Amino acid sequence: MTSSTPQETPKSPSPPDQELPLTKKGFLGSTIDELKLVVWPSRQQLFSESIAVILMVTLSAASIAAVSRFYGWGASQIFR
């Protein structure tokens, strides 16, 4: 009895990653090269986005505190 499915041929091992070439610079040199590619925000952009983050964190904390106090008040009314 012969099977009608073709046999798989063994695959050769895949080549190492070609995206990140191995250099003699090492980790620190590669890190510095990557940091040169970063698009840094302007001072105005940094300021406005920082204010937005601080505002959202403050509003989130206030709403969590309000909900917590409400449930605490409700629990104190129920379990006197």
N, C-alpha and C. Protein backbone atom coordinates (compact mmCIF):
# COMPACT_ATOMS: atom_id res chain seq x y z
N MET A 1 0.83 -1.17 0.00
CA MET A 1 0.00 0.00 0.00
C MET A 1 0.88 1.25 0.00
N THR A 2 0.65 2.14 -0.91
CA THR A 2 1.42 3.38 -0.96
C THR A 2 0.50 4.54 -0.64
N SER A 3 1.06 5.53 0.01
CA SER A 3 0.23 6.68 0.34
C SER A 3 0.27 7.66 -0.81
N SER A 4 -0.81 8.38 -0.98
CA SER A 4 -0.90 9.31 -2.10
C SER A 4 -0.44 10.72 -1.73
N THR A 5 -0.08 10.93 -0.44
CA THR A 5 0.40 12.26 -0.04
C THR A 5 1.89 12.35 -0.26
N PRO A 6 2.35 13.47 -0.76
CA PRO A 6 3.79 13.61 -0.99
C PRO A 6 4.53 13.72 0.35
N GLN A 7 5.72 13.20 0.36
CA GLN A 7 6.52 13.28 1.58
C GLN A 7 7.13 14.67 1.69
N GLU A 8 7.23 15.13 2.92
CA GLU A 8 7.82 16.45 3.14
C GLU A 8 9.32 16.34 3.10
N THR A 9 9.93 17.30 2.46
CA THR A 9 11.39 17.33 2.44
C THR A 9 11.86 18.13 3.63
N PRO A 10 12.95 17.73 4.25
CA PRO A 10 13.44 18.49 5.41
C PRO A 10 13.85 19.89 4.98
N LYS A 11 13.45 20.84 5.80
CA LYS A 11 13.76 22.24 5.51
C LYS A 11 15.14 22.59 6.07
N SER A 12 15.83 23.45 5.36
CA SER A 12 17.12 23.91 5.87
C SER A 12 16.87 24.92 6.98
N PRO A 13 17.79 25.03 7.93
CA PRO A 13 17.57 25.98 9.01
C PRO A 13 17.46 27.40 8.47
N SER A 14 16.59 28.18 9.10
CA SER A 14 16.37 29.54 8.62
C SER A 14 17.59 30.40 8.93
N PRO A 15 17.89 31.36 8.07
CA PRO A 15 19.05 32.22 8.32
C PRO A 15 18.78 33.12 9.51
N PRO A 16 19.83 33.59 10.16
CA PRO A 16 19.62 34.48 11.30
C PRO A 16 18.94 35.77 10.86
N ASP A 17 18.39 36.48 11.82
CA ASP A 17 17.68 37.74 11.52
C ASP A 17 18.57 38.66 10.69
N GLN A 18 18.03 39.11 9.59
CA GLN A 18 18.77 40.04 8.75
C GLN A 18 18.44 41.49 9.10
N GLU A 19 17.40 41.70 9.93
CA GLU A 19 16.97 43.06 10.26
C GLU A 19 17.97 43.75 11.17
N LEU A 20 18.54 43.03 12.11
CA LEU A 20 19.47 43.62 13.07
C LEU A 20 20.86 43.08 12.81
N PRO A 21 21.66 43.79 12.04
CA PRO A 21 22.99 43.27 11.76
C PRO A 21 23.84 43.28 13.03
N LEU A 22 24.67 42.27 13.14
CA LEU A 22 25.56 42.20 14.29
C LEU A 22 26.74 43.12 14.04
N THR A 23 26.94 44.06 14.95
CA THR A 23 28.05 44.99 14.80
C THR A 23 28.95 44.87 16.01
N LYS A 24 30.09 45.48 15.90
CA LYS A 24 31.03 45.45 17.01
C LYS A 24 30.78 46.57 18.00
N LYS A 25 29.79 47.43 17.69
CA LYS A 25 29.48 48.55 18.59
C LYS A 25 28.91 48.08 19.90
N GLY A 26 28.15 47.04 19.87
CA GLY A 26 27.55 46.53 21.09
C GLY A 26 26.24 47.21 21.42
N PHE A 27 25.78 46.91 22.62
CA PHE A 27 24.46 47.37 23.04
C PHE A 27 24.40 48.89 23.16
N LEU A 28 25.38 49.51 23.79
CA LEU A 28 25.34 50.96 24.01
C LEU A 28 25.36 51.72 22.69
N GLY A 29 26.19 51.31 21.78
CA GLY A 29 26.27 51.99 20.48
C GLY A 29 24.98 51.85 19.70
N SER A 30 24.38 50.66 19.74
CA SER A 30 23.11 50.46 19.05
C SER A 30 22.00 51.28 19.68
N THR A 31 22.03 51.39 21.01
CA THR A 31 21.04 52.20 21.71
C THR A 31 21.14 53.66 21.32
N ILE A 32 22.35 54.17 21.24
CA ILE A 32 22.55 55.57 20.84
C ILE A 32 22.07 55.78 19.41
N ASP A 33 22.36 54.84 18.52
CA ASP A 33 21.89 54.95 17.14
C ASP A 33 20.37 54.99 17.07
N GLU A 34 19.70 54.16 17.87
CA GLU A 34 18.24 54.15 17.89
C GLU A 34 17.68 55.45 18.45
N LEU A 35 18.33 56.00 19.49
CA LEU A 35 17.86 57.25 20.08
C LEU A 35 17.98 58.42 19.11
N LYS A 36 18.92 58.34 18.17
CA LYS A 36 19.05 59.39 17.16
C LYS A 36 17.87 59.38 16.19
N LEU A 37 17.18 58.24 16.08
CA LEU A 37 16.04 58.12 15.17
C LEU A 37 14.72 58.58 15.80
N VAL A 38 14.73 58.81 17.11
CA VAL A 38 13.51 59.20 17.81
C VAL A 38 13.12 60.61 17.41
N VAL A 39 11.82 60.82 17.19
CA VAL A 39 11.30 62.17 16.92
C VAL A 39 10.87 62.74 18.26
N TRP A 40 11.65 63.65 18.79
CA TRP A 40 11.39 64.22 20.11
C TRP A 40 10.34 65.33 20.01
N PRO A 41 9.46 65.45 21.01
CA PRO A 41 8.42 66.50 20.95
C PRO A 41 9.02 67.88 21.21
N SER A 42 8.30 68.88 20.72
CA SER A 42 8.73 70.25 20.99
C SER A 42 8.38 70.61 22.44
N ARG A 43 8.91 71.72 22.91
CA ARG A 43 8.65 72.14 24.28
C ARG A 43 7.16 72.41 24.49
N GLN A 44 6.51 73.05 23.52
CA GLN A 44 5.07 73.35 23.62
C GLN A 44 4.25 72.06 23.63
N GLN A 45 4.62 71.12 22.77
CA GLN A 45 3.90 69.84 22.72
C GLN A 45 4.07 69.08 24.03
N LEU A 46 5.29 69.07 24.57
CA LEU A 46 5.56 68.38 25.82
C LEU A 46 4.75 69.00 26.96
N PHE A 47 4.69 70.33 27.01
CA PHE A 47 3.95 71.03 28.06
C PHE A 47 2.45 70.73 27.97
N SER A 48 1.88 70.86 26.77
CA SER A 48 0.43 70.67 26.63
C SER A 48 0.03 69.22 26.90
N GLU A 49 0.82 68.27 26.45
CA GLU A 49 0.48 66.87 26.69
C GLU A 49 0.68 66.49 28.16
N SER A 50 1.66 67.09 28.82
CA SER A 50 1.85 66.85 30.25
C SER A 50 0.66 67.39 31.05
N ILE A 51 0.17 68.57 30.68
CA ILE A 51 -0.99 69.15 31.35
C ILE A 51 -2.21 68.24 31.13
N ALA A 52 -2.37 67.71 29.91
CA ALA A 52 -3.50 66.82 29.62
C ALA A 52 -3.43 65.55 30.47
N VAL A 53 -2.24 64.99 30.61
CA VAL A 53 -2.08 63.77 31.42
C VAL A 53 -2.37 64.07 32.89
N ILE A 54 -1.83 65.17 33.41
CA ILE A 54 -2.07 65.52 34.81
C ILE A 54 -3.55 65.75 35.06
N LEU A 55 -4.22 66.43 34.14
CA LEU A 55 -5.65 66.69 34.26
C LEU A 55 -6.46 65.40 34.26
N MET A 56 -6.16 64.49 33.34
CA MET A 56 -6.89 63.23 33.27
C MET A 56 -6.65 62.35 34.49
N VAL A 57 -5.42 62.32 35.01
CA VAL A 57 -5.14 61.54 36.21
C VAL A 57 -5.90 62.12 37.40
N THR A 58 -5.93 63.46 37.50
CA THR A 58 -6.65 64.11 38.59
C THR A 58 -8.15 63.82 38.51
N LEU A 59 -8.72 63.94 37.32
CA LEU A 59 -10.15 63.65 37.16
C LEU A 59 -10.46 62.18 37.44
N SER A 60 -9.61 61.29 37.02
CA SER A 60 -9.82 59.86 37.28
C SER A 60 -9.75 59.57 38.77
N ALA A 61 -8.77 60.15 39.45
CA ALA A 61 -8.63 59.94 40.89
C ALA A 61 -9.84 60.50 41.64
N ALA A 62 -10.31 61.67 41.21
CA ALA A 62 -11.48 62.28 41.86
C ALA A 62 -12.73 61.43 41.64
N SER A 63 -12.91 60.91 40.44
CA SER A 63 -14.10 60.09 40.20
C SER A 63 -14.03 58.77 40.96
N ILE A 64 -12.86 58.16 41.06
CA ILE A 64 -12.72 56.93 41.84
C ILE A 64 -12.98 57.20 43.31
N ALA A 65 -12.47 58.33 43.82
CA ALA A 65 -12.70 58.68 45.22
C ALA A 65 -14.18 58.94 45.47
N ALA A 66 -14.87 59.60 44.54
CA ALA A 66 -16.30 59.87 44.70
C ALA A 66 -17.11 58.58 44.72
N VAL A 67 -16.82 57.67 43.83
CA VAL A 67 -17.52 56.39 43.80
C VAL A 67 -17.24 55.60 45.08
N SER A 68 -15.99 55.62 45.53
CA SER A 68 -15.63 54.90 46.74
C SER A 68 -16.35 55.47 47.97
N ARG A 69 -16.40 56.81 48.05
CA ARG A 69 -17.10 57.43 49.18
C ARG A 69 -18.60 57.14 49.13
N PHE A 70 -19.17 57.13 47.93
CA PHE A 70 -20.59 56.84 47.78
C PHE A 70 -20.90 55.42 48.26
N TYR A 71 -20.10 54.45 47.82
CA TYR A 71 -20.34 53.08 48.25
C TYR A 71 -20.05 52.92 49.75
N GLY A 72 -19.07 53.65 50.27
CA GLY A 72 -18.82 53.61 51.71
C GLY A 72 -20.00 54.16 52.49
N TRP A 73 -20.54 55.29 52.00
CA TRP A 73 -21.72 55.87 52.64
C TRP A 73 -22.90 54.89 52.58
N GLY A 74 -23.11 54.29 51.40
CA GLY A 74 -24.21 53.34 51.25
C GLY A 74 -24.05 52.13 52.16
N ALA A 75 -22.84 51.63 52.29
CA ALA A 75 -22.59 50.49 53.17
C ALA A 75 -22.82 50.87 54.63
N SER A 76 -22.44 52.10 55.01
CA SER A 76 -22.67 52.52 56.39
C SER A 76 -24.16 52.68 56.70
N GLN A 77 -24.95 53.04 55.70
CA GLN A 77 -26.39 53.16 55.90
C GLN A 77 -27.04 51.79 56.05
N ILE A 78 -26.51 50.81 55.32
CA ILE A 78 -27.10 49.47 55.34
C ILE A 78 -26.68 48.70 56.58
N PHE A 79 -25.38 48.76 56.91
CA PHE A 79 -24.82 47.92 57.99
C PHE A 79 -24.56 48.71 59.26
N ARG A 80 -25.56 49.40 59.76
CA ARG A 80 -25.41 50.16 61.00
C ARG A 80 -25.37 49.27 62.20
